[in-house]
């Protein structure tokens, strides 16, 4: 299982980290974005395509 580290805390998922930051329900795969505006989900899918 992947883990996300944020502000000195370790979260089991991107969604749990997003919930902690936003204070509401959140899908971390869609909330976290690169500087170019790409979602974490999109960035992961792109890296998988490159690896294939």
PDB file of N, CA and C in Angstrom:
ATOM      1  N   UNK A   1       0.848  -1.185   0.000  1.00  0.00           N
ATOM      2  CA  UNK A   1       0.000   0.000   0.000  1.00  0.00           C
ATOM      3  C   UNK A   1       0.888   1.240   0.000  1.00  0.00           C
ATOM      4  N   UNK A   2       0.576   2.180  -0.822  1.00  0.00           N
ATOM      5  CA  UNK A   2       1.328   3.431  -0.883  1.00  0.00           C
ATOM      6  C   UNK A   2       0.945   4.323   0.289  1.00  0.00           C
ATOM      7  N   UNK A   3       1.860   5.166   0.690  1.00  0.00           N
ATOM      8  CA  UNK A   3       1.591   6.100   1.784  1.00  0.00           C
ATOM      9  C   UNK A   3       1.971   7.502   1.337  1.00  0.00           C
ATOM     10  N   UNK A   4       1.269   8.487   1.855  1.00  0.00           N
ATOM     11  CA  UNK A   4       1.553   9.884   1.537  1.00  0.00           C
ATOM     12  C   UNK A   4       2.020  10.582   2.814  1.00  0.00           C
ATOM     13  N   UNK A   5       3.090  11.348   2.710  1.00  0.00           N
ATOM     14  CA  UNK A   5       3.603  12.093   3.858  1.00  0.00           C
ATOM     15  C   UNK A   5       3.288  13.572   3.667  1.00  0.00           C
ATOM     16  N   UNK A   6       2.764  14.196   4.706  1.00  0.00           N
ATOM     17  CA  UNK A   6       2.379  15.599   4.621  1.00  0.00           C
ATOM     18  C   UNK A   6       2.494  16.236   5.997  1.00  0.00           C
ATOM     19  N   UNK A   7       3.177  17.350   6.068  1.00  0.00           N
ATOM     20  CA  UNK A   7       3.304  18.100   7.317  1.00  0.00           C
ATOM     21  C   UNK A   7       3.765  17.224   8.479  1.00  0.00           C
ATOM     22  N   UNK A   8       4.681  16.290   8.190  1.00  0.00           N
ATOM     23  CA  UNK A   8       5.215  15.430   9.235  1.00  0.00           C
ATOM     24  C   UNK A   8       4.312  14.281   9.632  1.00  0.00           C
ATOM     25  N   UNK A   9       3.218  14.093   8.917  1.00  0.00           N
ATOM     26  CA  UNK A   9       2.297  12.990   9.195  1.00  0.00           C
ATOM     27  C   UNK A   9       2.328  12.021   8.021  1.00  0.00           C
ATOM     28  N   UNK A  10       2.151  10.745   8.318  1.00  0.00           N
ATOM     29  CA  UNK A  10       2.103   9.730   7.276  1.00  0.00           C
ATOM     30  C   UNK A  10       0.667   9.276   7.112  1.00  0.00           C
ATOM     31  N   UNK A  11       0.153   9.360   5.890  1.00  0.00           N
ATOM     32  CA  UNK A  11      -1.224   8.980   5.589  1.00  0.00           C
ATOM     33  C   UNK A  11      -1.217   7.727   4.725  1.00  0.00           C
ATOM     34  N   UNK A  12      -2.203   6.877   4.923  1.00  0.00           N
ATOM     35  CA  UNK A  12      -2.286   5.618   4.191  1.00  0.00           C
ATOM     36  C   UNK A  12      -2.675   5.820   2.730  1.00  0.00           C
ATOM     37  N   UNK A  13      -3.235   6.981   2.408  1.00  0.00           N
ATOM     38  CA  UNK A  13      -3.676   7.221   1.035  1.00  0.00           C
ATOM     39  C   UNK A  13      -3.678   8.714   0.739  1.00  0.00           C
ATOM     40  N   UNK A  14      -3.670   9.068  -0.541  1.00  0.00           N
ATOM     41  CA  UNK A  14      -3.774  10.479  -0.922  1.00  0.00           C
ATOM     42  C   UNK A  14      -5.093  11.088  -0.441  1.00  0.00           C
ATOM     43  N   UNK A  15      -6.144  10.289  -0.412  1.00  0.00           N
ATOM     44  CA  UNK A  15      -7.450  10.799   0.026  1.00  0.00           C
ATOM     45  C   UNK A  15      -7.443  11.158   1.509  1.00  0.00           C
ATOM     46  N   UNK A  16      -6.805  10.336   2.333  1.00  0.00           N
ATOM     47  CA  UNK A  16      -6.742  10.650   3.765  1.00  0.00           C
ATOM     48  C   UNK A  16      -5.944  11.934   3.996  1.00  0.00           C
ATOM     49  N   UNK A  17      -4.883  12.143   3.224  1.00  0.00           N
ATOM     50  CA  UNK A  17      -4.104  13.381   3.337  1.00  0.00           C
ATOM     51  C   UNK A  17      -4.949  14.576   2.905  1.00  0.00           C
ATOM     52  N   UNK A  18      -5.714  14.436   1.836  1.00  0.00           N
ATOM     53  CA  UNK A  18      -6.565  15.524   1.358  1.00  0.00           C
ATOM     54  C   UNK A  18      -7.648  15.854   2.384  1.00  0.00           C
ATOM     55  N   UNK A  19      -8.229  14.843   2.998  1.00  0.00           N
ATOM     56  CA  UNK A  19      -9.255  15.058   4.031  1.00  0.00           C
ATOM     57  C   UNK A  19      -8.668  15.847   5.196  1.00  0.00           C
ATOM     58  N   UNK A  20      -7.438  15.494   5.609  1.00  0.00           N
ATOM     59  CA  UNK A  20      -6.791  16.197   6.727  1.00  0.00           C
ATOM     60  C   UNK A  20      -6.539  17.661   6.388  1.00  0.00           C
ATOM     61  N   UNK A  21      -6.150  17.941   5.150  1.00  0.00           N
ATOM     62  CA  UNK A  21      -5.845  19.321   4.745  1.00  0.00           C
ATOM     63  C   UNK A  21      -7.120  20.127   4.525  1.00  0.00           C
ATOM     64  N   UNK A  22      -8.092  19.523   3.848  1.00  0.00           N
ATOM     65  CA  UNK A  22      -9.295  20.254   3.465  1.00  0.00           C
ATOM     66  C   UNK A  22     -10.373  20.277   4.553  1.00  0.00           C
ATOM     67  N   UNK A  23     -10.335  19.310   5.469  1.00  0.00           N
ATOM     68  CA  UNK A  23     -11.335  19.263   6.527  1.00  0.00           C
ATOM     69  C   UNK A  23     -12.713  18.838   6.040  1.00  0.00           C
ATOM     70  N   UNK A  24     -12.740  18.067   4.971  1.00  0.00           N
ATOM     71  CA  UNK A  24     -14.017  17.577   4.419  1.00  0.00           C
ATOM     72  C   UNK A  24     -13.744  16.303   3.641  1.00  0.00           C
ATOM     73  N   UNK A  25     -14.784  15.633   3.225  1.00  0.00           N
ATOM     74  CA  UNK A  25     -14.610  14.455   2.374  1.00  0.00           C
ATOM     75  C   UNK A  25     -13.876  14.856   1.107  1.00  0.00           C
ATOM     76  N   UNK A  26     -12.978  13.994   0.639  1.00  0.00           N
ATOM     77  CA  UNK A  26     -12.210  14.345  -0.547  1.00  0.00           C
ATOM     78  C   UNK A  26     -11.654  13.095  -1.207  1.00  0.00           C
ATOM     79  N   UNK A  27     -11.556  13.140  -2.514  1.00  0.00           N
ATOM     80  CA  UNK A  27     -10.897  12.106  -3.287  1.00  0.00           C
ATOM     81  C   UNK A  27      -9.510  12.641  -3.615  1.00  0.00           C
ATOM     82  N   UNK A  28      -8.517  12.177  -2.895  1.00  0.00           N
ATOM     83  CA  UNK A  28      -7.156  12.674  -3.067  1.00  0.00           C
ATOM     84  C   UNK A  28      -6.597  12.480  -4.455  1.00  0.00           C
ATOM     85  N   UNK A  29      -7.048  11.433  -5.159  1.00  0.00           N
ATOM     86  CA  UNK A  29      -6.573  11.188  -6.513  1.00  0.00           C
ATOM     87  C   UNK A  29      -7.011  12.299  -7.461  1.00  0.00           C
ATOM     88  N   UNK A  30      -8.073  13.024  -7.091  1.00  0.00           N
ATOM     89  CA  UNK A  30      -8.558  14.134  -7.922  1.00  0.00           C
ATOM     90  C   UNK A  30      -8.225  15.503  -7.327  1.00  0.00           C
ATOM     91  N   UNK A  31      -8.082  15.587  -6.005  1.00  0.00           N
ATOM     92  CA  UNK A  31      -7.802  16.874  -5.349  1.00  0.00           C
ATOM     93  C   UNK A  31      -6.351  17.316  -5.533  1.00  0.00           C
ATOM     94  N   UNK A  32      -5.396  16.377  -5.394  1.00  0.00           N
ATOM     95  CA  UNK A  32      -3.988  16.736  -5.528  1.00  0.00           C
ATOM     96  C   UNK A  32      -3.660  16.923  -6.998  1.00  0.00           C
ATOM     97  N   UNK A  33      -2.975  18.034  -7.287  1.00  0.00           N
ATOM     98  CA  UNK A  33      -2.643  18.363  -8.679  1.00  0.00           C
ATOM     99  C   UNK A  33      -1.194  18.810  -8.789  1.00  0.00           C
ATOM    100  N   UNK A  34      -0.624  18.569  -9.964  1.00  0.00           N
ATOM    101  CA  UNK A  34       0.728  19.036 -10.247  1.00  0.00           C
ATOM    102  C   UNK A  34       0.680  20.542 -10.502  1.00  0.00           C
ATOM    103  N   UNK A  35       1.848  21.148 -10.647  1.00  0.00           N
ATOM    104  CA  UNK A  35       1.906  22.581 -10.952  1.00  0.00           C
ATOM    105  C   UNK A  35       1.236  22.892 -12.289  1.00  0.00           C
ATOM    106  N   UNK A  36       1.163  21.891 -13.160  1.00  0.00           N
ATOM    107  CA  UNK A  36       0.535  22.081 -14.467  1.00  0.00           C
ATOM    108  C   UNK A  36      -0.969  21.818 -14.420  1.00  0.00           C
ATOM    109  N   UNK A  37      -1.508  21.473 -13.241  1.00  0.00           N
ATOM    110  CA  UNK A  37      -2.937  21.257 -13.099  1.00  0.00           C
ATOM    111  C   UNK A  37      -3.400  19.829 -13.345  1.00  0.00           C
ATOM    112  N   UNK A  38      -2.456  18.914 -13.549  1.00  0.00           N
ATOM    113  CA  UNK A  38      -2.820  17.512 -13.779  1.00  0.00           C
ATOM    114  C   UNK A  38      -3.110  16.842 -12.440  1.00  0.00           C
ATOM    115  N   UNK A  39      -4.186  16.057 -12.387  1.00  0.00           N
ATOM    116  CA  UNK A  39      -4.529  15.366 -11.141  1.00  0.00           C
ATOM    117  C   UNK A  39      -3.503  14.286 -10.832  1.00  0.00           C
ATOM    118  N   UNK A  40      -3.461  13.866  -9.570  1.00  0.00           N
ATOM    119  CA  UNK A  40      -2.580  12.775  -9.170  1.00  0.00           C
ATOM    120  C   UNK A  40      -2.929  11.510  -9.949  1.00  0.00           C
ATOM    121  N   UNK A  41      -4.212  11.273 -10.159  1.00  0.00           N
ATOM    122  CA  UNK A  41      -4.651  10.123 -10.939  1.00  0.00           C
ATOM    123  C   UNK A  41      -4.081  10.191 -12.358  1.00  0.00           C
ATOM    124  N   UNK A  42      -4.183  11.335 -12.989  1.00  0.00           N
ATOM    125  CA  UNK A  42      -3.667  11.501 -14.342  1.00  0.00           C
ATOM    126  C   UNK A  42      -2.160  11.331 -14.408  1.00  0.00           C
ATOM    127  N   UNK A  43      -1.460  11.864 -13.415  1.00  0.00           N
ATOM    128  CA  UNK A  43       0.000  11.747 -13.382  1.00  0.00           C
ATOM    129  C   UNK A  43       0.410  10.286 -13.205  1.00  0.00           C
ATOM    130  N   UNK A  44      -0.309   9.550 -12.367  1.00  0.00           N
ATOM    131  CA  UNK A  44       0.008   8.132 -12.167  1.00  0.00           C
ATOM    132  C   UNK A  44      -0.259   7.345 -13.442  1.00  0.00           C
ATOM    133  N   UNK A  45      -1.392   7.603 -14.074  1.00  0.00           N
ATOM    134  CA  UNK A  45      -1.707   6.889 -15.321  1.00  0.00           C
ATOM    135  C   UNK A  45      -0.660   7.189 -16.394  1.00  0.00           C
ATOM    136  N   UNK A  46      -0.194   8.419 -16.447  1.00  0.00           N
ATOM    137  CA  UNK A  46       0.811   8.804 -17.437  1.00  0.00           C
ATOM    138  C   UNK A  46       2.122   8.069 -17.154  1.00  0.00           C
ATOM    139  N   UNK A  47       2.506   7.953 -15.885  1.00  0.00           N
ATOM    140  CA  UNK A  47       3.752   7.273 -15.556  1.00  0.00           C
ATOM    141  C   UNK A  47       3.659   5.778 -15.852  1.00  0.00           C
ATOM    142  N   UNK A  48       2.474   5.182 -15.696  1.00  0.00           N
ATOM    143  CA  UNK A  48       2.283   3.769 -16.012  1.00  0.00           C
ATOM    144  C   UNK A  48       2.426   3.557 -17.513  1.00  0.00           C
ATOM    145  N   UNK A  49       1.876   4.458 -18.320  1.00  0.00           N
ATOM    146  CA  UNK A  49       1.988   4.341 -19.778  1.00  0.00           C
ATOM    147  C   UNK A  49       3.445   4.424 -20.214  1.00  0.00           C
ATOM    148  N   UNK A  50       4.211   5.315 -19.592  1.00  0.00           N
ATOM    149  CA  UNK A  50       5.619   5.475 -19.935  1.00  0.00           C
ATOM    150  C   UNK A  50       6.396   4.211 -19.591  1.00  0.00           C
ATOM    151  N   UNK A  51       6.051   3.589 -18.455  1.00  0.00           N
ATOM    152  CA  UNK A  51       6.751   2.373 -18.007  1.00  0.00           C
ATOM    153  C   UNK A  51       6.442   1.170 -18.897  1.00  0.00           C
ATOM    154  N   UNK A  52       5.291   1.165 -19.534  1.00  0.00           N
ATOM    155  CA  UNK A  52       4.926   0.041 -20.400  1.00  0.00           C
ATOM    156  C   UNK A  52       5.746   0.122 -21.630  1.00  0.00           C
TER     157      UNK A  52
END
